[in-house]
Amino acid sequence: GNCTSPSCSFDFIPFHWYGTSLSDFETYVTNFHSLFPTYPLWITEWQFTGISSTATTYLEKQALQWLDAQNYVVRYAMFGPMNSANMAGITNGAMITDDLSGLTNVGKIYAGLV
């Protein structure tokens, strides 16, 4: 909706991010925090795009550690296709399940298993 009334309020800032570098991700999140310093952030979808599964795995580990260290990021959800796909640059390297019955390395990282 349109929030133009002075009585309109919100409790948190939700947003999505897709890109290819950890520094871009960190900058994007930090900029949102700078714009809304008194509100918690919810990253409702995020993923690295157009890179190999090896690069995705490495960047996911780094990003999760960084996110957990930011007290203003209170919720986040990694976006990953559940089966073979290429959606807007999100390739099979970002899959979180392998065949709907097991987790990929990316899925295990997100679940905190590795």
N, C-alpha and C. Protein backbone atom coordinates (compact mmCIF):
# COMPACT_ATOMS: atom_id res chain seq x y z
N GLY A 1 0.80 -1.18 0.00
CA GLY A 1 0.00 0.00 0.00
C GLY A 1 0.85 1.25 0.00
N ASN A 2 0.18 2.35 -0.01
CA ASN A 2 0.81 3.66 -0.02
C ASN A 2 0.84 4.19 1.41
N CYS A 3 2.00 4.46 1.93
CA CYS A 3 2.16 4.89 3.31
C CYS A 3 2.53 6.37 3.34
N THR A 4 1.54 7.24 3.15
CA THR A 4 1.81 8.68 3.15
C THR A 4 1.26 9.38 4.38
N SER A 5 0.47 8.70 5.16
CA SER A 5 -0.11 9.29 6.36
C SER A 5 0.92 9.33 7.49
N PRO A 6 0.90 10.40 8.32
CA PRO A 6 1.82 10.45 9.46
C PRO A 6 1.59 9.30 10.45
N SER A 7 0.39 8.73 10.45
CA SER A 7 0.10 7.64 11.37
C SER A 7 0.54 6.27 10.82
N CYS A 8 0.98 6.25 9.59
CA CYS A 8 1.45 5.01 8.98
C CYS A 8 2.79 4.63 9.60
N SER A 9 2.92 3.38 10.00
CA SER A 9 4.19 2.94 10.60
C SER A 9 4.53 1.53 10.12
N PHE A 10 5.74 1.14 10.36
CA PHE A 10 6.18 -0.22 10.04
C PHE A 10 7.20 -0.65 11.07
N ASP A 11 7.38 -1.95 11.19
CA ASP A 11 8.22 -2.51 12.24
C ASP A 11 9.60 -2.97 11.78
N PHE A 12 9.74 -3.25 10.50
CA PHE A 12 11.01 -3.73 9.97
C PHE A 12 11.07 -3.42 8.48
N ILE A 13 12.27 -3.57 7.90
CA ILE A 13 12.49 -3.29 6.48
C ILE A 13 12.80 -4.61 5.77
N PRO A 14 11.88 -5.06 4.91
CA PRO A 14 12.17 -6.27 4.12
C PRO A 14 12.73 -5.91 2.75
N PHE A 15 13.64 -6.72 2.24
CA PHE A 15 14.15 -6.49 0.89
C PHE A 15 14.80 -7.75 0.35
N HIS A 16 15.04 -7.77 -0.95
CA HIS A 16 15.71 -8.87 -1.65
C HIS A 16 17.05 -8.38 -2.19
N TRP A 17 17.96 -9.31 -2.43
CA TRP A 17 19.21 -8.99 -3.10
C TRP A 17 19.65 -10.18 -3.94
N TYR A 18 20.12 -9.89 -5.14
CA TYR A 18 20.73 -10.88 -6.03
C TYR A 18 21.95 -10.24 -6.68
N GLY A 19 23.05 -10.95 -6.75
CA GLY A 19 24.24 -10.38 -7.35
C GLY A 19 25.38 -11.39 -7.38
N THR A 20 26.56 -10.90 -7.71
CA THR A 20 27.69 -11.81 -7.93
C THR A 20 28.84 -11.66 -6.95
N SER A 21 28.81 -10.66 -6.07
CA SER A 21 29.97 -10.51 -5.19
C SER A 21 29.56 -10.27 -3.74
N LEU A 22 30.38 -10.79 -2.85
CA LEU A 22 30.14 -10.62 -1.43
C LEU A 22 30.22 -9.15 -1.03
N SER A 23 31.18 -8.42 -1.58
CA SER A 23 31.30 -7.00 -1.21
C SER A 23 30.07 -6.21 -1.66
N ASP A 24 29.51 -6.54 -2.83
CA ASP A 24 28.27 -5.87 -3.26
C ASP A 24 27.13 -6.18 -2.31
N PHE A 25 27.04 -7.43 -1.87
CA PHE A 25 26.00 -7.83 -0.92
C PHE A 25 26.14 -7.07 0.39
N GLU A 26 27.34 -7.05 0.94
CA GLU A 26 27.58 -6.35 2.21
C GLU A 26 27.28 -4.86 2.08
N THR A 27 27.68 -4.27 0.97
CA THR A 27 27.42 -2.84 0.74
C THR A 27 25.92 -2.58 0.65
N TYR A 28 25.21 -3.42 -0.07
CA TYR A 28 23.77 -3.26 -0.24
C TYR A 28 23.05 -3.32 1.12
N VAL A 29 23.39 -4.32 1.91
CA VAL A 29 22.77 -4.48 3.23
C VAL A 29 23.14 -3.30 4.13
N THR A 30 24.39 -2.92 4.14
CA THR A 30 24.85 -1.79 4.96
C THR A 30 24.16 -0.50 4.55
N ASN A 31 23.97 -0.30 3.25
CA ASN A 31 23.26 0.90 2.78
C ASN A 31 21.81 0.92 3.24
N PHE A 32 21.14 -0.23 3.23
CA PHE A 32 19.78 -0.28 3.75
C PHE A 32 19.76 0.10 5.23
N HIS A 33 20.73 -0.41 5.97
CA HIS A 33 20.80 -0.06 7.39
C HIS A 33 21.05 1.44 7.58
N SER A 34 21.87 2.02 6.74
CA SER A 34 22.13 3.47 6.82
C SER A 34 20.88 4.28 6.52
N LEU A 35 20.07 3.80 5.58
CA LEU A 35 18.82 4.50 5.24
C LEU A 35 17.77 4.38 6.34
N PHE A 36 17.77 3.25 7.04
CA PHE A 36 16.76 2.97 8.07
C PHE A 36 17.45 2.48 9.33
N PRO A 37 18.24 3.33 9.99
CA PRO A 37 19.09 2.86 11.09
C PRO A 37 18.33 2.39 12.33
N THR A 38 17.08 2.78 12.49
CA THR A 38 16.35 2.38 13.69
C THR A 38 15.47 1.16 13.48
N TYR A 39 15.51 0.58 12.28
CA TYR A 39 14.65 -0.57 11.98
C TYR A 39 15.46 -1.83 11.75
N PRO A 40 14.96 -2.96 12.25
CA PRO A 40 15.62 -4.22 11.91
C PRO A 40 15.41 -4.55 10.43
N LEU A 41 16.37 -5.26 9.86
CA LEU A 41 16.29 -5.64 8.45
C LEU A 41 15.91 -7.12 8.32
N TRP A 42 15.03 -7.38 7.36
CA TRP A 42 14.68 -8.75 6.98
C TRP A 42 15.08 -8.91 5.52
N ILE A 43 16.04 -9.75 5.25
CA ILE A 43 16.41 -10.04 3.86
C ILE A 43 15.59 -11.27 3.47
N THR A 44 14.49 -11.02 2.78
CA THR A 44 13.52 -12.08 2.53
C THR A 44 13.90 -12.99 1.37
N GLU A 45 14.83 -12.59 0.55
CA GLU A 45 15.44 -13.44 -0.47
C GLU A 45 16.82 -12.88 -0.77
N TRP A 46 17.81 -13.77 -0.88
CA TRP A 46 19.12 -13.35 -1.35
C TRP A 46 19.84 -14.55 -1.97
N GLN A 47 20.66 -14.27 -2.97
CA GLN A 47 21.43 -15.33 -3.61
C GLN A 47 22.49 -14.73 -4.53
N PHE A 48 23.56 -15.47 -4.67
CA PHE A 48 24.60 -15.12 -5.63
C PHE A 48 24.20 -15.70 -6.98
N THR A 49 24.36 -14.93 -8.04
CA THR A 49 23.87 -15.34 -9.36
C THR A 49 25.00 -15.50 -10.37
N GLY A 50 24.77 -16.39 -11.32
CA GLY A 50 25.67 -16.54 -12.46
C GLY A 50 27.06 -17.02 -12.13
N ILE A 51 27.22 -17.77 -11.05
CA ILE A 51 28.55 -18.26 -10.67
C ILE A 51 28.49 -19.77 -10.46
N SER A 52 29.62 -20.40 -10.37
CA SER A 52 29.70 -21.85 -10.21
C SER A 52 29.24 -22.28 -8.82
N SER A 53 28.97 -23.58 -8.68
CA SER A 53 28.58 -24.09 -7.37
C SER A 53 29.73 -23.95 -6.37
N THR A 54 30.97 -24.09 -6.82
CA THR A 54 32.12 -23.92 -5.93
C THR A 54 32.18 -22.49 -5.41
N ALA A 55 32.02 -21.52 -6.30
CA ALA A 55 32.03 -20.11 -5.89
C ALA A 55 30.84 -19.81 -5.00
N THR A 56 29.67 -20.35 -5.34
CA THR A 56 28.48 -20.13 -4.51
C THR A 56 28.70 -20.66 -3.11
N THR A 57 29.24 -21.87 -3.01
CA THR A 57 29.51 -22.47 -1.70
C THR A 57 30.43 -21.59 -0.87
N TYR A 58 31.50 -21.13 -1.46
CA TYR A 58 32.45 -20.26 -0.75
C TYR A 58 31.78 -18.97 -0.30
N LEU A 59 31.06 -18.32 -1.22
CA LEU A 59 30.43 -17.03 -0.89
C LEU A 59 29.32 -17.19 0.13
N GLU A 60 28.56 -18.29 0.06
CA GLU A 60 27.51 -18.53 1.05
C GLU A 60 28.09 -18.58 2.46
N LYS A 61 29.18 -19.32 2.63
CA LYS A 61 29.81 -19.42 3.95
C LYS A 61 30.20 -18.04 4.47
N GLN A 62 30.84 -17.26 3.61
CA GLN A 62 31.28 -15.93 4.01
C GLN A 62 30.08 -15.03 4.33
N ALA A 63 29.07 -15.08 3.49
CA ALA A 63 27.89 -14.22 3.68
C ALA A 63 27.14 -14.57 4.96
N LEU A 64 26.97 -15.86 5.24
CA LEU A 64 26.26 -16.26 6.45
C LEU A 64 27.00 -15.79 7.70
N GLN A 65 28.32 -15.93 7.70
CA GLN A 65 29.10 -15.44 8.84
C GLN A 65 28.93 -13.93 9.00
N TRP A 66 28.97 -13.22 7.89
CA TRP A 66 28.83 -11.77 7.95
C TRP A 66 27.43 -11.38 8.43
N LEU A 67 26.40 -12.01 7.88
CA LEU A 67 25.03 -11.69 8.29
C LEU A 67 24.83 -11.92 9.78
N ASP A 68 25.32 -13.04 10.28
CA ASP A 68 25.14 -13.36 11.70
C ASP A 68 25.86 -12.36 12.61
N ALA A 69 26.84 -11.66 12.10
CA ALA A 69 27.57 -10.66 12.89
C ALA A 69 26.90 -9.29 12.89
N GLN A 70 25.86 -9.11 12.06
CA GLN A 70 25.18 -7.81 11.96
C GLN A 70 23.95 -7.84 12.86
N ASN A 71 23.97 -7.09 13.95
CA ASN A 71 22.84 -7.14 14.89
C ASN A 71 21.57 -6.53 14.32
N TYR A 72 21.66 -5.77 13.26
CA TYR A 72 20.48 -5.15 12.66
C TYR A 72 19.81 -6.05 11.62
N VAL A 73 20.45 -7.13 11.23
CA VAL A 73 19.82 -8.12 10.35
C VAL A 73 19.22 -9.19 11.25
N VAL A 74 17.89 -9.20 11.36
CA VAL A 74 17.26 -10.11 12.30
C VAL A 74 16.65 -11.34 11.63
N ARG A 75 16.44 -11.29 10.32
CA ARG A 75 15.92 -12.44 9.57
C ARG A 75 16.57 -12.44 8.19
N TYR A 76 16.84 -13.62 7.68
CA TYR A 76 17.27 -13.72 6.29
C TYR A 76 16.89 -15.09 5.76
N ALA A 77 16.63 -15.13 4.46
CA ALA A 77 16.27 -16.37 3.78
C ALA A 77 17.02 -16.45 2.46
N MET A 78 17.90 -17.41 2.38
CA MET A 78 18.61 -17.62 1.13
C MET A 78 17.64 -18.18 0.10
N PHE A 79 17.71 -17.66 -1.11
CA PHE A 79 16.86 -18.16 -2.19
C PHE A 79 17.63 -19.19 -2.98
N GLY A 80 17.02 -20.33 -3.22
CA GLY A 80 17.65 -21.35 -4.05
C GLY A 80 16.61 -22.21 -4.71
N PRO A 81 16.79 -22.50 -5.99
CA PRO A 81 15.85 -23.37 -6.67
C PRO A 81 15.88 -24.76 -6.04
N MET A 82 14.74 -25.41 -6.04
CA MET A 82 14.64 -26.74 -5.44
C MET A 82 14.98 -27.85 -6.44
N ASN A 83 15.00 -27.52 -7.72
CA ASN A 83 15.40 -28.51 -8.72
C ASN A 83 16.02 -27.77 -9.90
N SER A 84 16.44 -28.50 -10.88
CA SER A 84 17.18 -27.93 -11.99
C SER A 84 16.47 -26.72 -12.58
N ALA A 85 17.18 -25.60 -12.60
CA ALA A 85 16.56 -24.35 -13.06
C ALA A 85 17.64 -23.35 -13.45
N ASN A 86 17.23 -22.35 -14.16
CA ASN A 86 18.08 -21.19 -14.41
C ASN A 86 17.14 -19.99 -14.41
N MET A 87 16.93 -19.45 -13.23
CA MET A 87 15.98 -18.37 -13.04
C MET A 87 16.74 -17.08 -12.81
N ALA A 88 16.69 -16.19 -13.77
CA ALA A 88 17.32 -14.87 -13.64
C ALA A 88 18.77 -14.97 -13.19
N GLY A 89 19.49 -15.94 -13.74
CA GLY A 89 20.90 -16.08 -13.41
C GLY A 89 21.18 -16.95 -12.21
N ILE A 90 20.14 -17.40 -11.52
CA ILE A 90 20.34 -18.31 -10.39
C ILE A 90 20.38 -19.71 -10.97
N THR A 91 21.55 -20.28 -11.02
CA THR A 91 21.75 -21.55 -11.72
C THR A 91 21.73 -22.73 -10.76
N ASN A 92 21.96 -23.90 -11.30
CA ASN A 92 21.98 -25.11 -10.48
C ASN A 92 23.03 -25.04 -9.37
N GLY A 93 24.04 -24.20 -9.53
CA GLY A 93 25.04 -24.04 -8.50
C GLY A 93 24.48 -23.47 -7.21
N ALA A 94 23.29 -22.90 -7.27
CA ALA A 94 22.65 -22.34 -6.08
C ALA A 94 21.55 -23.24 -5.54
N MET A 95 21.39 -24.43 -6.12
CA MET A 95 20.35 -25.34 -5.65
C MET A 95 20.59 -25.71 -4.19
N ILE A 96 19.52 -25.80 -3.41
CA ILE A 96 19.66 -26.19 -2.01
C ILE A 96 19.31 -27.65 -1.78
N THR A 97 18.62 -28.27 -2.74
CA THR A 97 18.38 -29.71 -2.69
C THR A 97 18.88 -30.33 -3.99
N ASP A 98 19.25 -31.60 -3.91
CA ASP A 98 19.78 -32.24 -5.11
C ASP A 98 18.70 -32.90 -5.96
N ASP A 99 17.75 -33.54 -5.34
CA ASP A 99 16.69 -34.21 -6.09
C ASP A 99 15.39 -34.24 -5.28
N LEU A 100 15.21 -33.23 -4.47
CA LEU A 100 14.08 -33.09 -3.55
C LEU A 100 14.14 -34.08 -2.39
N SER A 101 15.24 -34.81 -2.24
CA SER A 101 15.35 -35.71 -1.10
C SER A 101 16.61 -35.49 -0.28
N GLY A 102 17.53 -34.67 -0.77
CA GLY A 102 18.76 -34.42 -0.04
C GLY A 102 19.26 -33.02 -0.26
N LEU A 103 20.07 -32.54 0.67
CA LEU A 103 20.62 -31.20 0.56
C LEU A 103 21.91 -31.20 -0.26
N THR A 104 22.10 -30.16 -1.05
CA THR A 104 23.37 -29.94 -1.73
C THR A 104 24.35 -29.33 -0.72
N ASN A 105 25.58 -29.08 -1.14
CA ASN A 105 26.53 -28.40 -0.26
C ASN A 105 26.02 -27.03 0.15
N VAL A 106 25.42 -26.29 -0.80
CA VAL A 106 24.85 -24.98 -0.49
C VAL A 106 23.73 -25.13 0.55
N GLY A 107 22.87 -26.13 0.37
CA GLY A 107 21.79 -26.37 1.33
C GLY A 107 22.32 -26.73 2.71
N LYS A 108 23.38 -27.53 2.75
CA LYS A 108 23.99 -27.91 4.03
C LYS A 108 24.60 -26.70 4.73
N ILE A 109 25.23 -25.83 3.96
CA ILE A 109 25.79 -24.61 4.54
C ILE A 109 24.68 -23.76 5.13
N TYR A 110 23.61 -23.57 4.37
CA TYR A 110 22.49 -22.74 4.85
C TYR A 110 21.85 -23.35 6.09
N ALA A 111 21.76 -24.67 6.14
CA ALA A 111 21.16 -25.34 7.29
C ALA A 111 22.11 -25.40 8.48
N GLY A 112 23.35 -24.96 8.29
CA GLY A 112 24.31 -24.97 9.38
C GLY A 112 24.92 -26.33 9.65
N LEU A 113 24.89 -27.21 8.65
CA LEU A 113 25.41 -28.56 8.82
C LEU A 113 26.89 -28.68 8.49
N VAL A 114 27.45 -27.69 7.80
CA VAL A 114 28.88 -27.70 7.50
C VAL A 114 29.47 -26.33 7.76
